[in-house]
Amino acid sequence: VRSLQRQLLELKRSKEVEMQSRNEMIAHLKDQLQETRAKTTMERKYIEKECQVQKVMKNKKCNMTEAELQAELENLQMQMEEETKVNKETEMWVKKHHDQLQEKVEYWMDKYEKEVDQKSEELSTLKGTKANILLKLQELTLKFQEYDEVVTEDRAQRNERRRRRKRHSWRLNLLPRFRLGGRVLW
């Protein structure tokens, strides 16, 4: 019973370690998601600041010729398109990564629930087995007590018979002394 209790305690500890490991994994994945969001926000702010800086530069170059301004404008538009494209790709990557992380979380939660159910069933089985063992132990204890009583009675009867035989042989030894008037013949 103690061994089963130790095994149950070890099993419980291992499950707690496993649950803690899973919780750490979930926390780690959440941290990664938060970092990705922060990175996206920083990139967006960077793009906005860069656009603002470019606007200021454009205002300073108002005295330039129209052709130069048009060329600069086209260049800036190409850069913005590139940045927008990069931003969209980043957003798509973040969404895809988020979806993957969400799938992993769901997988681990399903696995966790299945394992908890399985261990609950095992625990119930162990409890049932323990109850059966305790019943058998009680039955054997009662049988032992009955056998012990029988053995004790048998010993008492043998001791009593031995005492009777000793008394009888003692009386037989005394009998010839009394018959001869107290004279010992041997």
C-alpha atoms as a PDB file:
ATOM      1  CA  VAL A   1       0.000   0.000   0.000  1.00  0.00           C
ATOM      2  CA  ARG A   2       2.854   2.350   0.867  1.00  0.00           C
ATOM      3  CA  SER A   3       4.547   1.494  -2.384  1.00  0.00           C
ATOM      4  CA  LEU A   4       1.355   2.311  -4.280  1.00  0.00           C
ATOM      5  CA  GLN A   5       1.086   5.562  -2.354  1.00  0.00           C
ATOM      6  CA  ARG A   6       4.689   6.414  -3.219  1.00  0.00           C
ATOM      7  CA  GLN A   7       4.082   5.543  -6.855  1.00  0.00           C
ATOM      8  CA  LEU A   8       0.925   7.646  -6.859  1.00  0.00           C
ATOM      9  CA  LEU A   9       2.822  10.534  -5.271  1.00  0.00           C
ATOM     10  CA  GLU A  10       5.635  10.187  -7.830  1.00  0.00           C
ATOM     11  CA  LEU A  11       3.076  10.051 -10.634  1.00  0.00           C
ATOM     12  CA  LYS A  12       1.376  13.140  -9.283  1.00  0.00           C
ATOM     13  CA  ARG A  13       4.724  14.965  -9.028  1.00  0.00           C
ATOM     14  CA  SER A  14       5.686  14.026 -12.571  1.00  0.00           C
ATOM     15  CA  LYS A  15       2.324  15.273 -13.833  1.00  0.00           C
ATOM     16  CA  GLU A  16       2.795  18.527 -11.949  1.00  0.00           C
ATOM     17  CA  VAL A  17       6.250  18.938 -13.522  1.00  0.00           C
ATOM     18  CA  GLU A  18       4.757  18.173 -16.941  1.00  0.00           C
ATOM     19  CA  MET A  19       1.930  20.670 -16.389  1.00  0.00           C
ATOM     20  CA  GLN A  20       4.451  23.293 -15.270  1.00  0.00           C
ATOM     21  CA  SER A  21       6.525  22.604 -18.389  1.00  0.00           C
ATOM     22  CA  ARG A  22       3.460  23.061 -20.578  1.00  0.00           C
ATOM     23  CA  ASN A  23       2.501  26.264 -18.777  1.00  0.00           C
ATOM     24  CA  GLU A  24       6.042  27.551 -19.350  1.00  0.00           C
ATOM     25  CA  MET A  25       5.763  26.638 -23.027  1.00  0.00           C
ATOM     26  CA  ILE A  26       2.458  28.502 -23.311  1.00  0.00           C
ATOM     27  CA  ALA A  27       3.965  31.518 -21.538  1.00  0.00           C
ATOM     28  CA  HIS A  28       6.954  31.382 -23.882  1.00  0.00           C
ATOM     29  CA  LEU A  29       4.695  31.277 -26.942  1.00  0.00           C
ATOM     30  CA  LYS A  30       2.663  34.204 -25.590  1.00  0.00           C
ATOM     31  CA  ASP A  31       5.907  36.145 -25.069  1.00  0.00           C
ATOM     32  CA  GLN A  32       6.909  35.448 -28.671  1.00  0.00           C
ATOM     33  CA  LEU A  33       3.528  36.682 -29.871  1.00  0.00           C
ATOM     34  CA  GLN A  34       3.882  39.838 -27.771  1.00  0.00           C
ATOM     35  CA  GLU A  35       7.399  40.432 -29.157  1.00  0.00           C
ATOM     36  CA  THR A  36       6.126  40.028 -32.705  1.00  0.00           C
ATOM     37  CA  ARG A  37       3.327  42.510 -32.083  1.00  0.00           C
ATOM     38  CA  ALA A  38       5.775  44.963 -30.533  1.00  0.00           C
ATOM     39  CA  LYS A  39       8.099  44.581 -33.516  1.00  0.00           C
ATOM     40  CA  THR A  40       5.244  45.244 -35.938  1.00  0.00           C
ATOM     41  CA  THR A  41       4.223  48.333 -33.986  1.00  0.00           C
ATOM     42  CA  MET A  42       7.800  49.596 -33.989  1.00  0.00           C
ATOM     43  CA  GLU A  43       8.096  49.024 -37.729  1.00  0.00           C
ATOM     44  CA  ARG A  44       4.837  50.859 -38.332  1.00  0.00           C
ATOM     45  CA  LYS A  45       6.012  53.798 -36.179  1.00  0.00           C
ATOM     46  CA  TYR A  46       9.327  53.751 -37.976  1.00  0.00           C
ATOM     47  CA  ILE A  47       7.600  53.908 -41.350  1.00  0.00           C
ATOM     48  CA  GLU A  48       5.353  56.734 -40.123  1.00  0.00           C
ATOM     49  CA  LYS A  49       8.329  58.695 -38.802  1.00  0.00           C
ATOM     50  CA  GLU A  50      10.250  58.085 -41.997  1.00  0.00           C
ATOM     51  CA  CYS A  51       7.290  59.364 -44.020  1.00  0.00           C
ATOM     52  CA  GLN A  52       7.080  62.438 -41.798  1.00  0.00           C
ATOM     53  CA  VAL A  53      10.785  63.092 -42.236  1.00  0.00           C
ATOM     54  CA  GLN A  54      10.438  62.707 -45.982  1.00  0.00           C
ATOM     55  CA  LYS A  55       7.531  65.148 -45.974  1.00  0.00           C
ATOM     56  CA  VAL A  56       9.594  67.726 -44.122  1.00  0.00           C
ATOM     57  CA  MET A  57      12.420  67.253 -46.578  1.00  0.00           C
ATOM     58  CA  LYS A  58      10.004  67.710 -49.453  1.00  0.00           C
ATOM     59  CA  ASN A  59       8.765  70.979 -47.996  1.00  0.00           C
ATOM     60  CA  LYS A  60      12.324  72.221 -47.658  1.00  0.00           C
ATOM     61  CA  LYS A  61      12.964  71.450 -51.298  1.00  0.00           C
ATOM     62  CA  CYS A  62      10.046  73.534 -52.535  1.00  0.00           C
ATOM     63  CA  ASN A  63      12.403  75.766 -54.502  1.00  0.00           C
ATOM     64  CA  MET A  64      13.540  72.808 -56.630  1.00  0.00           C
ATOM     65  CA  THR A  65      12.370  72.528 -60.149  1.00  0.00           C
ATOM     66  CA  GLU A  66       9.207  70.672 -60.978  1.00  0.00           C
ATOM     67  CA  ALA A  67      11.082  67.868 -62.726  1.00  0.00           C
ATOM     68  CA  GLU A  68      13.299  67.291 -59.726  1.00  0.00           C
ATOM     69  CA  LEU A  69      10.283  67.306 -57.462  1.00  0.00           C
ATOM     70  CA  GLN A  70       8.445  64.885 -59.721  1.00  0.00           C
ATOM     71  CA  ALA A  71      11.443  62.526 -59.762  1.00  0.00           C
ATOM     72  CA  GLU A  72      11.744  62.755 -55.982  1.00  0.00           C
ATOM     73  CA  LEU A  73       8.015  62.129 -55.610  1.00  0.00           C
ATOM     74  CA  GLU A  74       8.198  59.020 -57.792  1.00  0.00           C
ATOM     75  CA  ASN A  75      11.180  57.803 -55.803  1.00  0.00           C
ATOM     76  CA  LEU A  76       9.317  58.329 -52.544  1.00  0.00           C
ATOM     77  CA  GLN A  77       6.263  56.572 -53.911  1.00  0.00           C
ATOM     78  CA  MET A  78       8.369  53.575 -54.845  1.00  0.00           C
ATOM     79  CA  GLN A  79       9.845  53.518 -51.363  1.00  0.00           C
ATOM     80  CA  MET A  80       6.390  53.771 -49.805  1.00  0.00           C
ATOM     81  CA  GLU A  81       5.122  50.980 -52.013  1.00  0.00           C
ATOM     82  CA  GLU A  82       8.089  48.867 -50.979  1.00  0.00           C
ATOM     83  CA  GLU A  83       7.522  49.692 -47.305  1.00  0.00           C
ATOM     84  CA  THR A  84       3.802  48.957 -47.679  1.00  0.00           C
ATOM     85  CA  LYS A  85       4.623  45.671 -49.340  1.00  0.00           C
ATOM     86  CA  VAL A  86       7.072  44.818 -46.574  1.00  0.00           C
ATOM     87  CA  ASN A  87       4.512  45.852 -43.975  1.00  0.00           C
ATOM     88  CA  LYS A  88       1.838  43.638 -45.544  1.00  0.00           C
ATOM     89  CA  GLU A  89       4.269  40.731 -45.717  1.00  0.00           C
ATOM     90  CA  THR A  90       5.144  41.298 -42.066  1.00  0.00           C
ATOM     91  CA  GLU A  91       1.477  41.400 -41.110  1.00  0.00           C
ATOM     92  CA  MET A  92       0.837  38.205 -43.059  1.00  0.00           C
ATOM     93  CA  TRP A  93       3.810  36.535 -41.383  1.00  0.00           C
ATOM     94  CA  VAL A  94       2.598  37.657 -37.945  1.00  0.00           C
ATOM     95  CA  LYS A  95      -0.910  36.383 -38.678  1.00  0.00           C
ATOM     96  CA  LYS A  96       0.425  33.066 -39.948  1.00  0.00           C
ATOM     97  CA  HIS A  97       2.723  32.746 -36.928  1.00  0.00           C
ATOM     98  CA  HIS A  98      -0.160  33.661 -34.621  1.00  0.00           C
ATOM     99  CA  ASP A  99      -2.364  31.007 -36.246  1.00  0.00           C
ATOM    100  CA  GLN A 100       0.384  28.417 -35.858  1.00  0.00           C
ATOM    101  CA  LEU A 101       0.846  29.331 -32.220  1.00  0.00           C
ATOM    102  CA  GLN A 102      -2.895  29.145 -31.685  1.00  0.00           C
ATOM    103  CA  GLU A 103      -2.957  25.663 -33.231  1.00  0.00           C
ATOM    104  CA  LYS A 104      -0.104  24.591 -30.969  1.00  0.00           C
ATOM    105  CA  VAL A 105      -1.912  25.937 -27.920  1.00  0.00           C
ATOM    106  CA  GLU A 106      -5.065  24.051 -28.905  1.00  0.00           C
ATOM    107  CA  TYR A 107      -3.041  20.884 -29.538  1.00  0.00           C
ATOM    108  CA  TRP A 108      -1.343  21.111 -26.132  1.00  0.00           C
ATOM    109  CA  MET A 109      -4.619  21.868 -24.377  1.00  0.00           C
ATOM    110  CA  ASP A 110      -6.274  18.834 -26.028  1.00  0.00           C
ATOM    111  CA  LYS A 111      -3.300  16.673 -25.119  1.00  0.00           C
ATOM    112  CA  TYR A 112      -3.367  17.991 -21.562  1.00  0.00           C
ATOM    113  CA  GLU A 113      -7.084  17.254 -21.177  1.00  0.00           C
ATOM    114  CA  LYS A 114      -6.688  13.738 -22.611  1.00  0.00           C
ATOM    115  CA  GLU A 115      -3.775  12.978 -20.313  1.00  0.00           C
ATOM    116  CA  VAL A 116      -5.604  14.338 -17.271  1.00  0.00           C
ATOM    117  CA  ASP A 117      -8.621  12.150 -18.139  1.00  0.00           C
ATOM    118  CA  GLN A 118      -6.373   9.137 -18.642  1.00  0.00           C
ATOM    119  CA  LYS A 119      -4.585   9.688 -15.337  1.00  0.00           C
ATOM    120  CA  SER A 120      -7.918  10.177 -13.580  1.00  0.00           C
ATOM    121  CA  GLU A 121      -9.055   6.804 -14.908  1.00  0.00           C
ATOM    122  CA  GLU A 122      -5.782   5.223 -13.798  1.00  0.00           C
ATOM    123  CA  LEU A 123      -6.194   6.773 -10.367  1.00  0.00           C
ATOM    124  CA  SER A 124      -9.742   5.423 -10.108  1.00  0.00           C
ATOM    125  CA  THR A 125      -8.487   1.976 -11.120  1.00  0.00           C
ATOM    126  CA  LEU A 126      -5.734   2.171  -8.513  1.00  0.00           C
ATOM    127  CA  LYS A 127      -8.231   3.208  -5.859  1.00  0.00           C
ATOM    128  CA  GLY A 128     -10.439   0.244  -6.767  1.00  0.00           C
ATOM    129  CA  THR A 129      -7.467  -2.102  -6.640  1.00  0.00           C
ATOM    130  CA  LYS A 130      -6.464  -0.674  -3.280  1.00  0.00           C
ATOM    131  CA  ALA A 131      -9.956  -1.245  -1.924  1.00  0.00           C
ATOM    132  CA  ASN A 132      -9.886  -4.872  -3.129  1.00  0.00           C
ATOM    133  CA  ILE A 133      -6.482  -5.414  -1.565  1.00  0.00           C
ATOM    134  CA  LEU A 134      -7.692  -3.936   1.732  1.00  0.00           C
ATOM    135  CA  LEU A 135     -10.706  -6.291   1.713  1.00  0.00           C
ATOM    136  CA  LYS A 136      -8.445  -9.291   1.089  1.00  0.00           C
ATOM    137  CA  LEU A 137      -6.127  -8.097   3.852  1.00  0.00           C
ATOM    138  CA  GLN A 138      -9.054  -7.901   6.268  1.00  0.00           C
ATOM    139  CA  GLU A 139     -10.190 -11.393   5.286  1.00  0.00           C
ATOM    140  CA  LEU A 140      -6.677 -12.772   5.770  1.00  0.00           C
ATOM    141  CA  THR A 141      -6.371 -10.973   9.113  1.00  0.00           C
ATOM    142  CA  LEU A 142      -9.602 -12.582  10.317  1.00  0.00           C
ATOM    143  CA  LYS A 143      -8.427 -16.003   9.138  1.00  0.00           C
ATOM    144  CA  PHE A 144      -5.106 -15.487  10.879  1.00  0.00           C
ATOM    145  CA  GLN A 145      -6.874 -14.585  14.118  1.00  0.00           C
ATOM    146  CA  GLU A 146      -9.038 -17.712  13.844  1.00  0.00           C
ATOM    147  CA  TYR A 147      -6.008 -19.934  13.164  1.00  0.00           C
ATOM    148  CA  ASP A 148      -4.121 -18.243  15.987  1.00  0.00           C
ATOM    149  CA  GLU A 149      -6.977 -18.997  18.392  1.00  0.00           C
ATOM    150  CA  VAL A 150      -7.051 -22.649  17.244  1.00  0.00           C
ATOM    151  CA  VAL A 151      -3.257 -22.949  17.694  1.00  0.00           C
ATOM    152  CA  THR A 152      -3.436 -21.299  21.123  1.00  0.00           C
ATOM    153  CA  GLU A 153      -6.220 -23.676  22.215  1.00  0.00           C
ATOM    154  CA  ASP A 154      -4.307 -26.671  20.891  1.00  0.00           C
ATOM    155  CA  ARG A 155      -1.164 -25.646  22.815  1.00  0.00           C
ATOM    156  CA  ALA A 156      -3.178 -25.158  25.967  1.00  0.00           C
ATOM    157  CA  GLN A 157      -4.733 -28.632  25.574  1.00  0.00           C
ATOM    158  CA  ARG A 158      -1.321 -30.235  24.968  1.00  0.00           C
ATOM    159  CA  ASN A 159       0.156 -28.479  27.979  1.00  0.00           C
ATOM    160  CA  GLU A 160      -2.785 -29.641  30.090  1.00  0.00           C
ATOM    161  CA  ARG A 161      -2.343 -33.268  28.904  1.00  0.00           C
ATOM    162  CA  ARG A 162       1.386 -33.066  29.663  1.00  0.00           C
ATOM    163  CA  ARG A 163       0.665 -31.761  33.163  1.00  0.00           C
ATOM    164  CA  ARG A 164      -1.867 -34.568  33.729  1.00  0.00           C
ATOM    165  CA  ARG A 165       0.638 -37.183  32.547  1.00  0.00           C
ATOM    166  CA  LYS A 166       3.308 -35.767  34.870  1.00  0.00           C
ATOM    167  CA  ARG A 167       0.840 -35.790  37.794  1.00  0.00           C
ATOM    168  CA  HIS A 168      -0.231 -39.295  36.912  1.00  0.00           C
ATOM    169  CA  SER A 169       3.383 -40.546  36.670  1.00  0.00           C
ATOM    170  CA  TRP A 170       4.204 -38.746  39.933  1.00  0.00           C
ATOM    171  CA  ARG A 171       1.253 -40.420  41.618  1.00  0.00           C
ATOM    172  CA  LEU A 172       2.318 -43.766  40.216  1.00  0.00           C
ATOM    173  CA  ASN A 173       5.801 -43.235  41.647  1.00  0.00           C
ATOM    174  CA  LEU A 174       4.357 -42.337  45.058  1.00  0.00           C
ATOM    175  CA  LEU A 175       1.955 -45.257  45.167  1.00  0.00           C
ATOM    176  CA  PRO A 176       4.584 -47.986  45.905  1.00  0.00           C
ATOM    177  CA  ARG A 177       5.939 -45.895  48.828  1.00  0.00           C
ATOM    178  CA  PHE A 178       2.595 -45.709  50.503  1.00  0.00           C
ATOM    179  CA  ARG A 179       1.907 -49.422  50.115  1.00  0.00           C
ATOM    180  CA  LEU A 180       5.054 -50.524  51.866  1.00  0.00           C
ATOM    181  CA  GLY A 181       4.498 -48.354  54.881  1.00  0.00           C
ATOM    182  CA  GLY A 182       6.674 -45.545  53.896  1.00  0.00           C
ATOM    183  CA  ARG A 183       9.739 -47.666  53.206  1.00  0.00           C
ATOM    184  CA  VAL A 184      11.500 -46.983  50.024  1.00  0.00           C
ATOM    185  CA  LEU A 185      12.421 -50.144  48.196  1.00  0.00           C
ATOM    186  CA  TRP A 186      14.557 -48.857  45.487  1.00  0.00           C
END
